[in-house]
Amino acid sequence: MAAQDFYKVSGDSIERTRQTCPRCGEGVFLAEHKDRRTCGKCSYTEFKK
């Protein structure tokens, strides 16, 4: 995926479309899976309910 897929530009503001990793900080996004979100850098995982 390209970097432009992780952001949404509307007017003068920029929104992130993906959640960032709480361990790694800003700039590292969590991958969206069917049942979980995962960080590829530190392996942090959140399971969806």
PDB file of N, CA and C in Angstrom:
ATOM      1  N   MET A   1       0.828  -1.171   0.000  1.00  0.00           N
ATOM      2  CA  MET A   1       0.000   0.000   0.000  1.00  0.00           C
ATOM      3  C   MET A   1       0.879   1.243   0.000  1.00  0.00           C
ATOM      4  N   ALA A   2       0.406   2.254  -0.647  1.00  0.00           N
ATOM      5  CA  ALA A   2       1.119   3.520  -0.686  1.00  0.00           C
ATOM      6  C   ALA A   2       0.805   4.342   0.554  1.00  0.00           C
ATOM      7  N   ALA A   3       1.681   5.279   0.871  1.00  0.00           N
ATOM      8  CA  ALA A   3       1.498   6.128   2.047  1.00  0.00           C
ATOM      9  C   ALA A   3       0.224   6.953   1.954  1.00  0.00           C
ATOM     10  N   GLN A   4      -0.200   7.271   0.750  1.00  0.00           N
ATOM     11  CA  GLN A   4      -1.419   8.073   0.595  1.00  0.00           C
ATOM     12  C   GLN A   4      -2.659   7.315   1.046  1.00  0.00           C
ATOM     13  N   ASP A   5      -2.597   6.004   1.165  1.00  0.00           N
ATOM     14  CA  ASP A   5      -3.740   5.223   1.624  1.00  0.00           C
ATOM     15  C   ASP A   5      -3.938   5.314   3.138  1.00  0.00           C
ATOM     16  N   PHE A   6      -2.922   5.770   3.883  1.00  0.00           N
ATOM     17  CA  PHE A   6      -3.004   5.872   5.331  1.00  0.00           C
ATOM     18  C   PHE A   6      -3.499   7.229   5.803  1.00  0.00           C
ATOM     19  N   TYR A   7      -3.670   8.193   4.884  1.00  0.00           N
ATOM     20  CA  TYR A   7      -4.094   9.544   5.248  1.00  0.00           C
ATOM     21  C   TYR A   7      -5.262   9.984   4.380  1.00  0.00           C
ATOM     22  N   LYS A   8      -6.090  10.867   4.926  1.00  0.00           N
ATOM     23  CA  LYS A   8      -7.211  11.443   4.198  1.00  0.00           C
ATOM     24  C   LYS A   8      -7.102  12.961   4.319  1.00  0.00           C
ATOM     25  N   VAL A   9      -7.055  13.649   3.193  1.00  0.00           N
ATOM     26  CA  VAL A   9      -6.927  15.099   3.187  1.00  0.00           C
ATOM     27  C   VAL A   9      -8.295  15.699   2.926  1.00  0.00           C
ATOM     28  N   SER A  10      -8.719  16.593   3.822  1.00  0.00           N
ATOM     29  CA  SER A  10      -9.987  17.286   3.642  1.00  0.00           C
ATOM     30  C   SER A  10      -9.771  18.763   3.988  1.00  0.00           C
ATOM     31  N   GLY A  11      -9.759  19.577   2.966  1.00  0.00           N
ATOM     32  CA  GLY A  11      -9.526  21.008   3.161  1.00  0.00           C
ATOM     33  C   GLY A  11      -8.107  21.267   3.627  1.00  0.00           C
ATOM     34  N   ASP A  12      -7.972  21.893   4.785  1.00  0.00           N
ATOM     35  CA  ASP A  12      -6.651  22.199   5.332  1.00  0.00           C
ATOM     36  C   ASP A  12      -6.192  21.192   6.372  1.00  0.00           C
ATOM     37  N   SER A  13      -6.966  20.149   6.613  1.00  0.00           N
ATOM     38  CA  SER A  13      -6.604  19.188   7.650  1.00  0.00           C
ATOM     39  C   SER A  13      -6.280  17.819   7.054  1.00  0.00           C
ATOM     40  N   ILE A  14      -5.481  17.076   7.800  1.00  0.00           N
ATOM     41  CA  ILE A  14      -5.088  15.720   7.403  1.00  0.00           C
ATOM     42  C   ILE A  14      -5.532  14.766   8.503  1.00  0.00           C
ATOM     43  N   GLU A  15      -6.202  13.678   8.125  1.00  0.00           N
ATOM     44  CA  GLU A  15      -6.650  12.661   9.074  1.00  0.00           C
ATOM     45  C   GLU A  15      -5.935  11.351   8.790  1.00  0.00           C
ATOM     46  N   ARG A  16      -5.606  10.630   9.850  1.00  0.00           N
ATOM     47  CA  ARG A  16      -5.058   9.283   9.679  1.00  0.00           C
ATOM     48  C   ARG A  16      -6.232   8.319   9.527  1.00  0.00           C
ATOM     49  N   THR A  17      -6.139   7.401   8.573  1.00  0.00           N
ATOM     50  CA  THR A  17      -7.215   6.439   8.381  1.00  0.00           C
ATOM     51  C   THR A  17      -6.959   5.142   9.145  1.00  0.00           C
ATOM     52  N   ARG A  18      -5.738   4.921   9.580  1.00  0.00           N
ATOM     53  CA  ARG A  18      -5.394   3.731  10.356  1.00  0.00           C
ATOM     54  C   ARG A  18      -4.973   4.130  11.755  1.00  0.00           C
ATOM     55  N   GLN A  19      -5.114   3.209  12.688  1.00  0.00           N
ATOM     56  CA  GLN A  19      -4.718   3.437  14.064  1.00  0.00           C
ATOM     57  C   GLN A  19      -3.201   3.276  14.183  1.00  0.00           C
ATOM     58  N   THR A  20      -2.564   4.097  15.013  1.00  0.00           N
ATOM     59  CA  THR A  20      -1.117   3.988  15.214  1.00  0.00           C
ATOM     60  C   THR A  20      -0.822   3.032  16.359  1.00  0.00           C
ATOM     61  N   CYS A  21       0.389   2.498  16.372  1.00  0.00           N
ATOM     62  CA  CYS A  21       0.809   1.554  17.405  1.00  0.00           C
ATOM     63  C   CYS A  21       1.091   2.306  18.704  1.00  0.00           C
ATOM     64  N   PRO A  22       0.501   1.872  19.831  1.00  0.00           N
ATOM     65  CA  PRO A  22       0.745   2.557  21.101  1.00  0.00           C
ATOM     66  C   PRO A  22       2.162   2.350  21.629  1.00  0.00           C
ATOM     67  N   ARG A  23       2.822   1.281  21.248  1.00  0.00           N
ATOM     68  CA  ARG A  23       4.197   1.032  21.689  1.00  0.00           C
ATOM     69  C   ARG A  23       5.215   1.796  20.846  1.00  0.00           C
ATOM     70  N   CYS A  24       5.065   1.754  19.537  1.00  0.00           N
ATOM     71  CA  CYS A  24       6.047   2.354  18.638  1.00  0.00           C
ATOM     72  C   CYS A  24       5.838   3.850  18.459  1.00  0.00           C
ATOM     73  N   GLY A  25       4.618   4.320  18.605  1.00  0.00           N
ATOM     74  CA  GLY A  25       4.338   5.742  18.520  1.00  0.00           C
ATOM     75  C   GLY A  25       3.861   6.169  17.145  1.00  0.00           C
ATOM     76  N   GLU A  26       3.907   7.490  16.915  1.00  0.00           N
ATOM     77  CA  GLU A  26       3.412   8.083  15.676  1.00  0.00           C
ATOM     78  C   GLU A  26       4.215   7.588  14.476  1.00  0.00           C
ATOM     79  N   GLY A  27       3.527   7.368  13.379  1.00  0.00           N
ATOM     80  CA  GLY A  27       4.186   6.970  12.143  1.00  0.00           C
ATOM     81  C   GLY A  27       4.224   5.476  11.902  1.00  0.00           C
ATOM     82  N   VAL A  28       3.886   4.662  12.896  1.00  0.00           N
ATOM     83  CA  VAL A  28       3.833   3.211  12.735  1.00  0.00           C
ATOM     84  C   VAL A  28       2.375   2.801  12.874  1.00  0.00           C
ATOM     85  N   PHE A  29       1.804   2.307  11.792  1.00  0.00           N
ATOM     86  CA  PHE A  29       0.389   1.986  11.757  1.00  0.00           C
ATOM     87  C   PHE A  29       0.149   0.509  12.023  1.00  0.00           C
ATOM     88  N   LEU A  30      -1.046   0.210  12.542  1.00  0.00           N
ATOM     89  CA  LEU A  30      -1.453  -1.168  12.778  1.00  0.00           C
ATOM     90  C   LEU A  30      -2.113  -1.724  11.525  1.00  0.00           C
ATOM     91  N   ALA A  31      -1.758  -2.944  11.175  1.00  0.00           N
ATOM     92  CA  ALA A  31      -2.365  -3.621  10.031  1.00  0.00           C
ATOM     93  C   ALA A  31      -3.759  -4.084  10.414  1.00  0.00           C
ATOM     94  N   GLU A  32      -4.696  -3.935   9.498  1.00  0.00           N
ATOM     95  CA  GLU A  32      -6.081  -4.337   9.739  1.00  0.00           C
ATOM     96  C   GLU A  32      -6.299  -5.758   9.219  1.00  0.00           C
ATOM     97  N   HIS A  33      -6.658  -6.654  10.130  1.00  0.00           N
ATOM     98  CA  HIS A  33      -7.028  -8.016   9.771  1.00  0.00           C
ATOM     99  C   HIS A  33      -8.500  -8.204  10.112  1.00  0.00           C
ATOM    100  N   LYS A  34      -9.032  -9.366   9.751  1.00  0.00           N
ATOM    101  CA  LYS A  34     -10.450  -9.633   9.983  1.00  0.00           C
ATOM    102  C   LYS A  34     -10.803  -9.631  11.473  1.00  0.00           C
ATOM    103  N   ASP A  35      -9.931 -10.204  12.300  1.00  0.00           N
ATOM    104  CA  ASP A  35     -10.245 -10.346  13.708  1.00  0.00           C
ATOM    105  C   ASP A  35      -9.275  -9.635  14.647  1.00  0.00           C
ATOM    106  N   ARG A  36      -8.290  -8.885  14.083  1.00  0.00           N
ATOM    107  CA  ARG A  36      -7.290  -8.245  14.928  1.00  0.00           C
ATOM    108  C   ARG A  36      -6.593  -7.095  14.207  1.00  0.00           C
ATOM    109  N   ARG A  37      -5.877  -6.276  14.974  1.00  0.00           N
ATOM    110  CA  ARG A  37      -4.983  -5.247  14.445  1.00  0.00           C
ATOM    111  C   ARG A  37      -3.590  -5.597  14.943  1.00  0.00           C
ATOM    112  N   THR A  38      -2.578  -5.530  14.071  1.00  0.00           N
ATOM    113  CA  THR A  38      -1.241  -5.964  14.425  1.00  0.00           C
ATOM    114  C   THR A  38      -0.195  -4.974  13.952  1.00  0.00           C
ATOM    115  N   CYS A  39       0.821  -4.761  14.779  1.00  0.00           N
ATOM    116  CA  CYS A  39       1.971  -3.939  14.404  1.00  0.00           C
ATOM    117  C   CYS A  39       3.036  -4.860  13.802  1.00  0.00           C
ATOM    118  N   GLY A  40       3.525  -4.510  12.636  1.00  0.00           N
ATOM    119  CA  GLY A  40       4.553  -5.317  11.985  1.00  0.00           C
ATOM    120  C   GLY A  40       5.934  -5.075  12.550  1.00  0.00           C
ATOM    121  N   LYS A  41       6.107  -4.016  13.309  1.00  0.00           N
ATOM    122  CA  LYS A  41       7.421  -3.675  13.850  1.00  0.00           C
ATOM    123  C   LYS A  41       7.683  -4.364  15.194  1.00  0.00           C
ATOM    124  N   CYS A  42       6.727  -4.271  16.132  1.00  0.00           N
ATOM    125  CA  CYS A  42       6.936  -4.814  17.478  1.00  0.00           C
ATOM    126  C   CYS A  42       6.017  -5.990  17.810  1.00  0.00           C
ATOM    127  N   SER A  43       5.143  -6.380  16.892  1.00  0.00           N
ATOM    128  CA  SER A  43       4.208  -7.506  17.058  1.00  0.00           C
ATOM    129  C   SER A  43       3.096  -7.242  18.068  1.00  0.00           C
ATOM    130  N   TYR A  44       2.822  -5.987  18.387  1.00  0.00           N
ATOM    131  CA  TYR A  44       1.695  -5.630  19.245  1.00  0.00           C
ATOM    132  C   TYR A  44       0.406  -6.046  18.541  1.00  0.00           C
ATOM    133  N   THR A  45      -0.521  -6.658  19.286  1.00  0.00           N
ATOM    134  CA  THR A  45      -1.777  -7.147  18.702  1.00  0.00           C
ATOM    135  C   THR A  45      -2.963  -6.726  19.560  1.00  0.00           C
ATOM    136  N   GLU A  46      -4.010  -6.247  18.888  1.00  0.00           N
ATOM    137  CA  GLU A  46      -5.287  -5.954  19.515  1.00  0.00           C
ATOM    138  C   GLU A  46      -6.329  -6.812  18.823  1.00  0.00           C
ATOM    139  N   PHE A  47      -7.117  -7.534  19.594  1.00  0.00           N
ATOM    140  CA  PHE A  47      -8.167  -8.354  19.015  1.00  0.00           C
ATOM    141  C   PHE A  47      -9.469  -7.581  18.967  1.00  0.00           C
ATOM    142  N   LYS A  48     -10.185  -7.703  17.858  1.00  0.00           N
ATOM    143  CA  LYS A  48     -11.490  -7.031  17.692  1.00  0.00           C
ATOM    144  C   LYS A  48     -12.554  -7.869  18.368  1.00  0.00           C
ATOM    145  N   LYS A  49     -13.582  -7.203  18.859  1.00  0.00           N
ATOM    146  CA  LYS A  49     -14.675  -7.920  19.531  1.00  0.00           C
ATOM    147  C   LYS A  49     -15.833  -8.095  18.613  1.00  0.00           C
TER     148      LYS A  49
END
